[in-house]
Amino acid sequence: MPSIAPNGKSQYGRGLVEGSWKGMKKYLEQEMLCPELKGRISFHYEVYPHFGGMSACFVLSLDGKMVKTFGELYAMARLEEQGKWLPGQYLYSVPMQDRDEYSDYEFSQALRAYRNQPIQTSLQSNDPIVRMFAILDRRVGKRTLARLKYSINDQPEWLRCLYEARMTEAKL
């Protein structure tokens, strides 16, 4: 499922949701990110040659440690290890709520959804990637974080790490 950027440019047939990776990275790490986590959160986009095609992934790091990788081939390999995916199936045949591995396409689509809806809608989204963007957002204040405090245990482990970092920085 290719994702084409609004400007019509495509990166190795996959595409970036919001134009260039440089612009998207700046948005994610500087413009939308809460001040407390600036310099601690980083996003990377990597493209790997794979059997004559291209494979891409987004990598999210906190304090220099990888928190989550979003890439189709990576997700399929991890789900196969967990017995949730069989070779020959599409990754998307396994519902998002039944897995915690996601593709670069799902990352891009979640970013598009997050950017095009109110922050409260993103915070309550069924998509954990959309919730990730929302919890890191500078528009989410201490009162909203205090209300979210009780839902941390309901989050996937990788997302819980980000919730906890955000709440620690907010001194909740």
N, C-alpha and C. Protein backbone atom coordinates (compact mmCIF):
# COMPACT_ATOMS: atom_id res chain seq x y z
N MET A 1 0.84 -1.19 0.00
CA MET A 1 0.00 0.00 0.00
C MET A 1 0.88 1.24 0.00
N PRO A 2 1.15 1.82 -1.11
CA PRO A 2 2.02 2.99 -1.14
C PRO A 2 1.34 4.23 -0.58
N SER A 3 2.15 5.08 0.00
CA SER A 3 1.67 6.34 0.55
C SER A 3 2.34 7.45 -0.24
N ILE A 4 1.57 8.30 -0.87
CA ILE A 4 2.12 9.36 -1.69
C ILE A 4 1.99 10.69 -0.95
N ALA A 5 3.06 11.43 -0.95
CA ALA A 5 3.08 12.72 -0.27
C ALA A 5 2.16 13.70 -0.99
N PRO A 6 1.60 14.67 -0.25
CA PRO A 6 0.71 15.67 -0.87
C PRO A 6 1.38 16.42 -2.01
N ASN A 7 2.71 16.57 -1.95
CA ASN A 7 3.40 17.30 -3.01
C ASN A 7 3.66 16.41 -4.22
N GLY A 8 3.20 15.15 -4.17
CA GLY A 8 3.34 14.25 -5.28
C GLY A 8 4.65 13.50 -5.33
N LYS A 9 5.59 13.85 -4.46
CA LYS A 9 6.88 13.17 -4.44
C LYS A 9 6.75 11.85 -3.71
N SER A 10 7.50 10.89 -4.15
CA SER A 10 7.47 9.58 -3.54
C SER A 10 8.88 9.12 -3.25
N GLN A 11 9.10 8.55 -2.11
CA GLN A 11 10.42 8.05 -1.72
C GLN A 11 10.44 6.55 -1.94
N TYR A 12 11.12 6.07 -2.96
CA TYR A 12 11.26 4.64 -3.25
C TYR A 12 9.91 3.95 -3.36
N GLY A 13 8.93 4.64 -3.92
CA GLY A 13 7.63 4.04 -4.14
C GLY A 13 6.75 4.02 -2.90
N ARG A 14 7.29 4.33 -1.74
CA ARG A 14 6.52 4.29 -0.50
C ARG A 14 5.92 5.66 -0.20
N GLY A 15 6.70 6.67 -0.28
CA GLY A 15 6.21 8.02 -0.07
C GLY A 15 6.28 8.45 1.39
N LEU A 16 6.39 9.71 1.58
CA LEU A 16 6.35 10.30 2.91
C LEU A 16 5.09 11.14 2.97
N VAL A 17 4.41 11.06 4.07
CA VAL A 17 3.11 11.70 4.19
C VAL A 17 3.17 13.21 4.02
N GLU A 18 4.12 13.84 4.60
CA GLU A 18 4.12 15.29 4.62
C GLU A 18 5.31 15.88 3.87
N GLY A 19 5.58 15.42 2.69
CA GLY A 19 6.67 15.96 1.89
C GLY A 19 7.98 15.27 2.21
N SER A 20 9.04 16.04 2.36
CA SER A 20 10.37 15.47 2.55
C SER A 20 10.56 14.94 3.97
N TRP A 21 11.49 13.99 4.09
CA TRP A 21 11.81 13.47 5.43
C TRP A 21 12.42 14.56 6.29
N LYS A 22 13.25 15.42 5.72
CA LYS A 22 13.87 16.51 6.48
C LYS A 22 12.80 17.39 7.13
N GLY A 23 11.77 17.75 6.36
CA GLY A 23 10.69 18.57 6.90
C GLY A 23 9.87 17.83 7.93
N MET A 24 9.62 16.55 7.69
CA MET A 24 8.84 15.75 8.63
C MET A 24 9.60 15.58 9.94
N LYS A 25 10.90 15.32 9.86
CA LYS A 25 11.75 15.16 11.05
C LYS A 25 11.76 16.46 11.87
N LYS A 26 11.89 17.59 11.19
CA LYS A 26 11.87 18.87 11.89
C LYS A 26 10.54 19.07 12.61
N TYR A 27 9.45 18.73 11.94
CA TYR A 27 8.13 18.85 12.56
C TYR A 27 8.04 17.96 13.80
N LEU A 28 8.45 16.69 13.67
CA LEU A 28 8.32 15.73 14.76
C LEU A 28 9.22 16.03 15.95
N GLU A 29 10.43 16.49 15.70
CA GLU A 29 11.39 16.68 16.77
C GLU A 29 11.44 18.10 17.32
N GLN A 30 10.88 19.06 16.60
CA GLN A 30 10.97 20.44 17.06
C GLN A 30 9.62 21.14 17.18
N GLU A 31 8.84 21.11 16.10
CA GLU A 31 7.62 21.91 16.06
C GLU A 31 6.50 21.34 16.91
N MET A 32 6.24 20.03 16.82
CA MET A 32 5.11 19.45 17.55
C MET A 32 5.50 18.93 18.93
N LEU A 33 6.76 18.66 19.15
CA LEU A 33 7.22 18.00 20.37
C LEU A 33 7.16 18.92 21.58
N CYS A 34 6.72 18.36 22.72
CA CYS A 34 6.67 19.15 23.95
C CYS A 34 8.08 19.58 24.33
N PRO A 35 8.23 20.76 24.90
CA PRO A 35 9.57 21.29 25.22
C PRO A 35 10.38 20.38 26.13
N GLU A 36 9.71 19.69 27.05
CA GLU A 36 10.42 18.84 28.02
C GLU A 36 11.15 17.67 27.37
N LEU A 37 10.68 17.23 26.21
CA LEU A 37 11.29 16.07 25.55
C LEU A 37 12.17 16.44 24.36
N LYS A 38 12.29 17.73 24.07
CA LYS A 38 13.17 18.15 22.96
C LYS A 38 14.60 17.75 23.29
N GLY A 39 15.24 17.15 22.31
CA GLY A 39 16.60 16.67 22.51
C GLY A 39 16.66 15.26 23.06
N ARG A 40 15.54 14.77 23.58
CA ARG A 40 15.49 13.40 24.11
C ARG A 40 14.85 12.43 23.13
N ILE A 41 13.90 12.94 22.33
CA ILE A 41 13.20 12.13 21.33
C ILE A 41 13.82 12.38 19.97
N SER A 42 14.07 11.30 19.24
CA SER A 42 14.55 11.47 17.87
C SER A 42 13.89 10.44 16.96
N PHE A 43 13.68 10.84 15.73
CA PHE A 43 13.10 9.98 14.70
C PHE A 43 14.12 9.84 13.58
N HIS A 44 14.23 8.63 13.05
CA HIS A 44 15.13 8.37 11.93
C HIS A 44 14.36 7.62 10.87
N TYR A 45 14.72 7.84 9.63
CA TYR A 45 14.11 7.15 8.50
C TYR A 45 15.24 6.46 7.76
N GLU A 46 15.13 5.15 7.61
CA GLU A 46 16.18 4.38 6.98
C GLU A 46 15.59 3.58 5.83
N VAL A 47 16.34 3.50 4.74
CA VAL A 47 15.92 2.73 3.57
C VAL A 47 16.96 1.65 3.35
N TYR A 48 16.49 0.41 3.19
CA TYR A 48 17.38 -0.72 2.99
C TYR A 48 17.07 -1.42 1.68
N PRO A 49 18.08 -1.74 0.87
CA PRO A 49 17.83 -2.54 -0.33
C PRO A 49 17.45 -3.96 0.11
N HIS A 50 16.45 -4.54 -0.50
CA HIS A 50 16.02 -5.88 -0.10
C HIS A 50 15.54 -6.64 -1.33
N PHE A 51 16.30 -7.63 -1.73
CA PHE A 51 15.93 -8.48 -2.86
C PHE A 51 15.51 -7.68 -4.09
N GLY A 52 16.27 -6.67 -4.40
CA GLY A 52 16.00 -5.89 -5.61
C GLY A 52 14.98 -4.80 -5.42
N GLY A 53 14.29 -4.77 -4.31
CA GLY A 53 13.31 -3.72 -4.02
C GLY A 53 13.84 -2.83 -2.92
N MET A 54 12.99 -2.05 -2.35
CA MET A 54 13.41 -1.18 -1.26
C MET A 54 12.54 -1.45 -0.04
N SER A 55 13.17 -1.43 1.10
CA SER A 55 12.48 -1.59 2.37
C SER A 55 12.82 -0.38 3.21
N ALA A 56 11.83 0.20 3.86
CA ALA A 56 12.05 1.39 4.66
C ALA A 56 11.53 1.18 6.07
N CYS A 57 12.09 1.93 7.00
CA CYS A 57 11.53 1.91 8.36
C CYS A 57 11.80 3.24 9.05
N PHE A 58 10.92 3.56 9.97
CA PHE A 58 11.06 4.71 10.84
C PHE A 58 11.50 4.16 12.19
N VAL A 59 12.43 4.84 12.83
CA VAL A 59 12.93 4.42 14.13
C VAL A 59 12.73 5.57 15.10
N LEU A 60 12.11 5.27 16.24
CA LEU A 60 11.87 6.24 17.31
C LEU A 60 12.81 5.92 18.45
N SER A 61 13.55 6.93 18.92
CA SER A 61 14.48 6.74 20.03
C SER A 61 14.18 7.74 21.14
N LEU A 62 14.42 7.31 22.37
CA LEU A 62 14.31 8.15 23.56
C LEU A 62 15.64 8.08 24.28
N ASP A 63 16.27 9.21 24.49
CA ASP A 63 17.57 9.27 25.14
C ASP A 63 18.59 8.36 24.46
N GLY A 64 18.55 8.30 23.13
CA GLY A 64 19.50 7.53 22.36
C GLY A 64 19.23 6.04 22.30
N LYS A 65 18.16 5.58 22.95
CA LYS A 65 17.82 4.16 22.94
C LYS A 65 16.59 3.95 22.06
N MET A 66 16.66 2.94 21.19
CA MET A 66 15.55 2.65 20.30
C MET A 66 14.33 2.22 21.11
N VAL A 67 13.21 2.88 20.85
CA VAL A 67 11.95 2.54 21.52
C VAL A 67 11.09 1.69 20.60
N LYS A 68 11.01 2.08 19.32
CA LYS A 68 10.13 1.39 18.39
C LYS A 68 10.63 1.55 16.96
N THR A 69 10.49 0.48 16.19
CA THR A 69 10.80 0.49 14.77
C THR A 69 9.51 0.25 14.01
N PHE A 70 9.25 1.07 13.01
CA PHE A 70 8.06 0.95 12.18
C PHE A 70 8.51 0.62 10.76
N GLY A 71 8.41 -0.63 10.37
CA GLY A 71 8.81 -1.05 9.04
C GLY A 71 8.12 -2.36 8.70
N GLU A 72 7.68 -2.48 7.47
CA GLU A 72 6.89 -3.65 7.07
C GLU A 72 7.67 -4.95 7.22
N LEU A 73 8.89 -5.01 6.69
CA LEU A 73 9.66 -6.26 6.79
C LEU A 73 10.02 -6.58 8.23
N TYR A 74 10.37 -5.54 8.99
CA TYR A 74 10.68 -5.73 10.41
C TYR A 74 9.44 -6.26 11.15
N ALA A 75 8.29 -5.66 10.88
CA ALA A 75 7.05 -6.08 11.54
C ALA A 75 6.70 -7.52 11.19
N MET A 76 6.82 -7.88 9.92
CA MET A 76 6.49 -9.26 9.52
C MET A 76 7.42 -10.26 10.21
N ALA A 77 8.72 -9.94 10.29
CA ALA A 77 9.67 -10.85 10.94
C ALA A 77 9.34 -11.02 12.42
N ARG A 78 9.05 -9.91 13.09
CA ARG A 78 8.72 -9.97 14.53
C ARG A 78 7.42 -10.73 14.77
N LEU A 79 6.40 -10.49 13.94
CA LEU A 79 5.13 -11.19 14.09
C LEU A 79 5.27 -12.67 13.78
N GLU A 80 6.13 -13.01 12.83
CA GLU A 80 6.38 -14.43 12.53
C GLU A 80 7.02 -15.11 13.74
N GLU A 81 7.98 -14.43 14.39
CA GLU A 81 8.60 -14.96 15.61
C GLU A 81 7.57 -15.21 16.70
N GLN A 82 6.56 -14.35 16.78
CA GLN A 82 5.51 -14.45 17.80
C GLN A 82 4.40 -15.41 17.40
N GLY A 83 4.44 -15.95 16.18
CA GLY A 83 3.42 -16.87 15.71
C GLY A 83 2.12 -16.19 15.32
N LYS A 84 2.16 -14.88 15.09
CA LYS A 84 0.95 -14.14 14.72
C LYS A 84 0.82 -13.90 13.22
N TRP A 85 1.85 -14.28 12.46
CA TRP A 85 1.85 -14.01 11.03
C TRP A 85 2.50 -15.19 10.32
N LEU A 86 1.96 -15.56 9.18
CA LEU A 86 2.52 -16.64 8.38
C LEU A 86 3.03 -16.08 7.06
N PRO A 87 4.20 -16.57 6.60
CA PRO A 87 4.70 -16.09 5.30
C PRO A 87 3.65 -16.29 4.21
N GLY A 88 3.54 -15.32 3.34
CA GLY A 88 2.54 -15.36 2.27
C GLY A 88 1.32 -14.53 2.59
N GLN A 89 1.12 -14.20 3.86
CA GLN A 89 0.01 -13.34 4.26
C GLN A 89 0.43 -11.89 4.09
N TYR A 90 -0.55 -11.02 4.00
CA TYR A 90 -0.26 -9.60 4.08
C TYR A 90 -0.17 -9.22 5.55
N LEU A 91 0.71 -8.31 5.87
CA LEU A 91 0.84 -7.83 7.24
C LEU A 91 -0.51 -7.31 7.74
N TYR A 92 -1.22 -6.65 6.83
CA TYR A 92 -2.46 -5.98 7.21
C TYR A 92 -3.61 -6.96 7.44
N SER A 93 -3.38 -8.27 7.20
CA SER A 93 -4.42 -9.26 7.49
C SER A 93 -4.50 -9.52 9.00
N VAL A 94 -3.49 -9.08 9.75
CA VAL A 94 -3.51 -9.19 11.21
C VAL A 94 -3.97 -7.83 11.73
N PRO A 95 -5.13 -7.76 12.38
CA PRO A 95 -5.64 -6.46 12.86
C PRO A 95 -4.65 -5.76 13.79
N MET A 96 -4.62 -4.43 13.73
CA MET A 96 -3.69 -3.64 14.54
C MET A 96 -3.82 -3.92 16.03
N GLN A 97 -5.05 -4.15 16.50
CA GLN A 97 -5.24 -4.37 17.93
C GLN A 97 -4.70 -5.72 18.40
N ASP A 98 -4.37 -6.61 17.44
CA ASP A 98 -3.83 -7.93 17.78
C ASP A 98 -2.31 -8.00 17.65
N ARG A 99 -1.67 -6.87 17.44
CA ARG A 99 -0.21 -6.86 17.28
C ARG A 99 0.37 -5.57 17.81
N ASP A 100 1.66 -5.58 18.04
CA ASP A 100 2.33 -4.35 18.44
C ASP A 100 3.53 -4.06 17.54
N GLU A 101 3.47 -4.57 16.33
CA GLU A 101 4.46 -4.29 15.30
C GLU A 101 3.73 -3.65 14.13
N TYR A 102 4.33 -2.58 13.58
CA TYR A 102 3.63 -1.80 12.57
C TYR A 102 4.55 -1.45 11.42
N SER A 103 3.96 -1.18 10.28
CA SER A 103 4.73 -0.86 9.08
C SER A 103 5.03 0.64 9.00
N ASP A 104 5.94 0.98 8.11
CA ASP A 104 6.23 2.38 7.82
C ASP A 104 5.01 3.06 7.21
N TYR A 105 4.23 2.31 6.45
CA TYR A 105 2.99 2.84 5.88
C TYR A 105 2.01 3.23 6.99
N GLU A 106 1.86 2.36 8.00
CA GLU A 106 0.96 2.66 9.12
C GLU A 106 1.46 3.86 9.91
N PHE A 107 2.77 4.00 10.05
CA PHE A 107 3.35 5.17 10.70
C PHE A 107 2.95 6.43 9.93
N SER A 108 3.12 6.40 8.62
CA SER A 108 2.78 7.56 7.78
C SER A 108 1.30 7.90 7.85
N GLN A 109 0.46 6.87 7.79
CA GLN A 109 -0.99 7.10 7.85
C GLN A 109 -1.41 7.63 9.22
N ALA A 110 -0.78 7.15 10.27
CA ALA A 110 -1.09 7.64 11.62
C ALA A 110 -0.68 9.11 11.76
N LEU A 111 0.47 9.46 11.18
CA LEU A 111 0.91 10.86 11.22
C LEU A 111 -0.09 11.74 10.48
N ARG A 112 -0.57 11.28 9.34
CA ARG A 112 -1.57 12.05 8.59
C ARG A 112 -2.85 12.22 9.42
N ALA A 113 -3.32 11.14 10.05
CA ALA A 113 -4.53 11.22 10.88
C ALA A 113 -4.33 12.19 12.03
N TYR A 114 -3.21 12.07 12.72
CA TYR A 114 -2.90 12.94 13.85
C TYR A 114 -2.88 14.41 13.44
N ARG A 115 -2.28 14.70 12.32
CA ARG A 115 -2.15 16.09 11.87
C ARG A 115 -3.47 16.68 11.39
N ASN A 116 -4.45 15.83 11.07
CA ASN A 116 -5.71 16.31 10.50
C ASN A 116 -6.90 16.17 11.43
N GLN A 117 -6.66 16.01 12.71
CA GLN A 117 -7.78 15.91 13.66
C GLN A 117 -7.41 16.61 14.96
N PRO A 118 -8.40 16.95 15.78
CA PRO A 118 -8.13 17.61 17.05
C PRO A 118 -7.27 16.71 17.96
N ILE A 119 -6.48 17.35 18.81
CA ILE A 119 -5.58 16.61 19.70
C ILE A 119 -6.35 15.66 20.63
N GLN A 120 -7.52 16.06 21.09
CA GLN A 120 -8.31 15.18 21.97
C GLN A 120 -8.74 13.91 21.24
N THR A 121 -9.06 14.03 19.98
CA THR A 121 -9.43 12.85 19.17
C THR A 121 -8.23 11.93 19.04
N SER A 122 -7.05 12.51 18.83
CA SER A 122 -5.83 11.71 18.71
C SER A 122 -5.49 11.00 20.01
N LEU A 123 -5.69 11.67 21.14
CA LEU A 123 -5.40 11.06 22.44
C LEU A 123 -6.30 9.85 22.72
N GLN A 124 -7.49 9.83 22.13
CA GLN A 124 -8.44 8.74 22.35
C GLN A 124 -8.51 7.76 21.19
N SER A 125 -7.61 7.90 20.24
CA SER A 125 -7.62 7.06 19.05
C SER A 125 -7.40 5.58 19.39
N ASN A 126 -7.99 4.70 18.58
CA ASN A 126 -7.74 3.27 18.71
C ASN A 126 -6.37 2.90 18.17
N ASP A 127 -5.78 3.77 17.37
CA ASP A 127 -4.48 3.53 16.75
C ASP A 127 -3.38 3.97 17.73
N PRO A 128 -2.56 3.04 18.22
CA PRO A 128 -1.52 3.41 19.18
C PRO A 128 -0.48 4.37 18.61
N ILE A 129 -0.28 4.35 17.30
CA ILE A 129 0.70 5.26 16.71
C ILE A 129 0.17 6.69 16.75
N VAL A 130 -1.11 6.87 16.50
CA VAL A 130 -1.73 8.19 16.61
C VAL A 130 -1.64 8.67 18.05
N ARG A 131 -1.90 7.78 19.01
CA ARG A 131 -1.79 8.15 20.44
C ARG A 131 -0.36 8.55 20.78
N MET A 132 0.63 7.87 20.17
CA MET A 132 2.03 8.21 20.40
C MET A 132 2.30 9.66 20.01
N PHE A 133 1.87 10.03 18.79
CA PHE A 133 2.08 11.41 18.35
C PHE A 133 1.40 12.39 19.31
N ALA A 134 0.20 12.05 19.75
CA ALA A 134 -0.56 12.95 20.63
C ALA A 134 0.11 13.11 21.99
N ILE A 135 0.61 12.04 22.56
CA ILE A 135 1.21 12.13 23.90
C ILE A 135 2.49 12.95 23.87
N LEU A 136 3.17 12.99 22.74
CA LEU A 136 4.40 13.77 22.60
C LEU A 136 4.13 15.22 22.24
N ASP A 137 2.89 15.54 21.91
CA ASP A 137 2.51 16.86 21.42
C ASP A 137 2.62 17.94 22.50
N ARG A 138 3.13 19.08 22.10
CA ARG A 138 3.30 20.22 23.00
C ARG A 138 1.97 20.79 23.49
N ARG A 139 0.87 20.51 22.76
CA ARG A 139 -0.44 21.04 23.15
C ARG A 139 -1.07 20.28 24.31
N VAL A 140 -0.51 19.14 24.67
CA VAL A 140 -1.06 18.34 25.77
C VAL A 140 -0.43 18.85 27.06
N GLY A 141 -1.29 19.42 27.93
CA GLY A 141 -0.81 20.03 29.17
C GLY A 141 -0.88 19.10 30.37
N LYS A 142 -0.49 19.64 31.51
CA LYS A 142 -0.42 18.85 32.75
C LYS A 142 -1.76 18.27 33.18
N ARG A 143 -2.84 19.03 33.02
CA ARG A 143 -4.15 18.52 33.43
C ARG A 143 -4.57 17.33 32.58
N THR A 144 -4.33 17.43 31.28
CA THR A 144 -4.66 16.31 30.39
C THR A 144 -3.78 15.12 30.72
N LEU A 145 -2.49 15.36 30.96
CA LEU A 145 -1.59 14.28 31.33
C LEU A 145 -2.03 13.61 32.63
N ALA A 146 -2.49 14.42 33.59
CA ALA A 146 -2.96 13.86 34.86
C ALA A 146 -4.15 12.93 34.64
N ARG A 147 -5.04 13.29 33.71
CA ARG A 147 -6.18 12.42 33.40
C ARG A 147 -5.74 11.13 32.71
N LEU A 148 -4.67 11.21 31.93
CA LEU A 148 -4.17 10.04 31.20
C LEU A 148 -3.37 9.10 32.09
N LYS A 149 -2.95 9.59 33.23
CA LYS A 149 -2.09 8.83 34.14
C LYS A 149 -2.65 7.44 34.44
N TYR A 150 -3.96 7.33 34.52
CA TYR A 150 -4.59 6.07 34.90
C TYR A 150 -4.75 5.10 33.74
N SER A 151 -4.48 5.58 32.54
CA SER A 151 -4.60 4.70 31.38
C SER A 151 -3.25 4.16 30.89
N ILE A 152 -2.18 4.50 31.57
CA ILE A 152 -0.84 4.07 31.14
C ILE A 152 -0.74 2.55 31.06
N ASN A 153 -1.27 1.86 32.02
CA ASN A 153 -1.15 0.39 32.04
C ASN A 153 -1.91 -0.28 30.91
N ASP A 154 -2.82 0.44 30.27
CA ASP A 154 -3.58 -0.11 29.14
C ASP A 154 -2.84 0.03 27.82
N GLN A 155 -1.68 0.70 27.83
CA GLN A 155 -0.94 0.98 26.61
C GLN A 155 0.06 -0.14 26.32
N PRO A 156 0.42 -0.33 25.05
CA PRO A 156 1.49 -1.28 24.72
C PRO A 156 2.78 -0.86 25.44
N GLU A 157 3.65 -1.81 25.70
CA GLU A 157 4.87 -1.52 26.46
C GLU A 157 5.71 -0.39 25.86
N TRP A 158 5.86 -0.40 24.54
CA TRP A 158 6.67 0.63 23.90
C TRP A 158 6.06 2.02 24.07
N LEU A 159 4.73 2.10 24.07
CA LEU A 159 4.05 3.37 24.23
C LEU A 159 4.05 3.81 25.70
N ARG A 160 3.97 2.85 26.59
CA ARG A 160 4.03 3.12 28.03
C ARG A 160 5.33 3.87 28.38
N CYS A 161 6.41 3.48 27.74
CA CYS A 161 7.70 4.12 27.96
C CYS A 161 7.63 5.61 27.64
N LEU A 162 6.94 5.97 26.56
CA LEU A 162 6.80 7.37 26.17
C LEU A 162 5.86 8.12 27.11
N TYR A 163 4.76 7.48 27.51
CA TYR A 163 3.85 8.09 28.49
C TYR A 163 4.62 8.42 29.77
N GLU A 164 5.39 7.44 30.26
CA GLU A 164 6.12 7.64 31.51
C GLU A 164 7.16 8.74 31.39
N ALA A 165 7.87 8.80 30.27
CA ALA A 165 8.86 9.87 30.06
C ALA A 165 8.17 11.22 30.06
N ARG A 166 7.04 11.32 29.40
CA ARG A 166 6.31 12.59 29.34
C ARG A 166 5.79 12.99 30.71
N MET A 167 5.27 12.04 31.46
CA MET A 167 4.72 12.37 32.78
C MET A 167 5.81 12.67 33.79
N THR A 168 6.95 12.03 33.67
CA THR A 168 8.08 12.31 34.55
C THR A 168 8.57 13.73 34.32
N GLU A 169 8.67 14.11 33.05
CA GLU A 169 9.12 15.45 32.72
C GLU A 169 8.11 16.51 33.17
N ALA A 170 6.83 16.14 33.19
CA ALA A 170 5.79 17.08 33.63
C ALA A 170 5.64 17.06 35.15
N LYS A 171 6.42 16.18 35.81
CA LYS A 171 6.43 16.04 37.28
C LYS A 171 5.06 15.70 37.83
N LEU A 172 4.44 14.67 37.23
CA LEU A 172 3.13 14.19 37.69
C LEU A 172 3.29 12.94 38.51
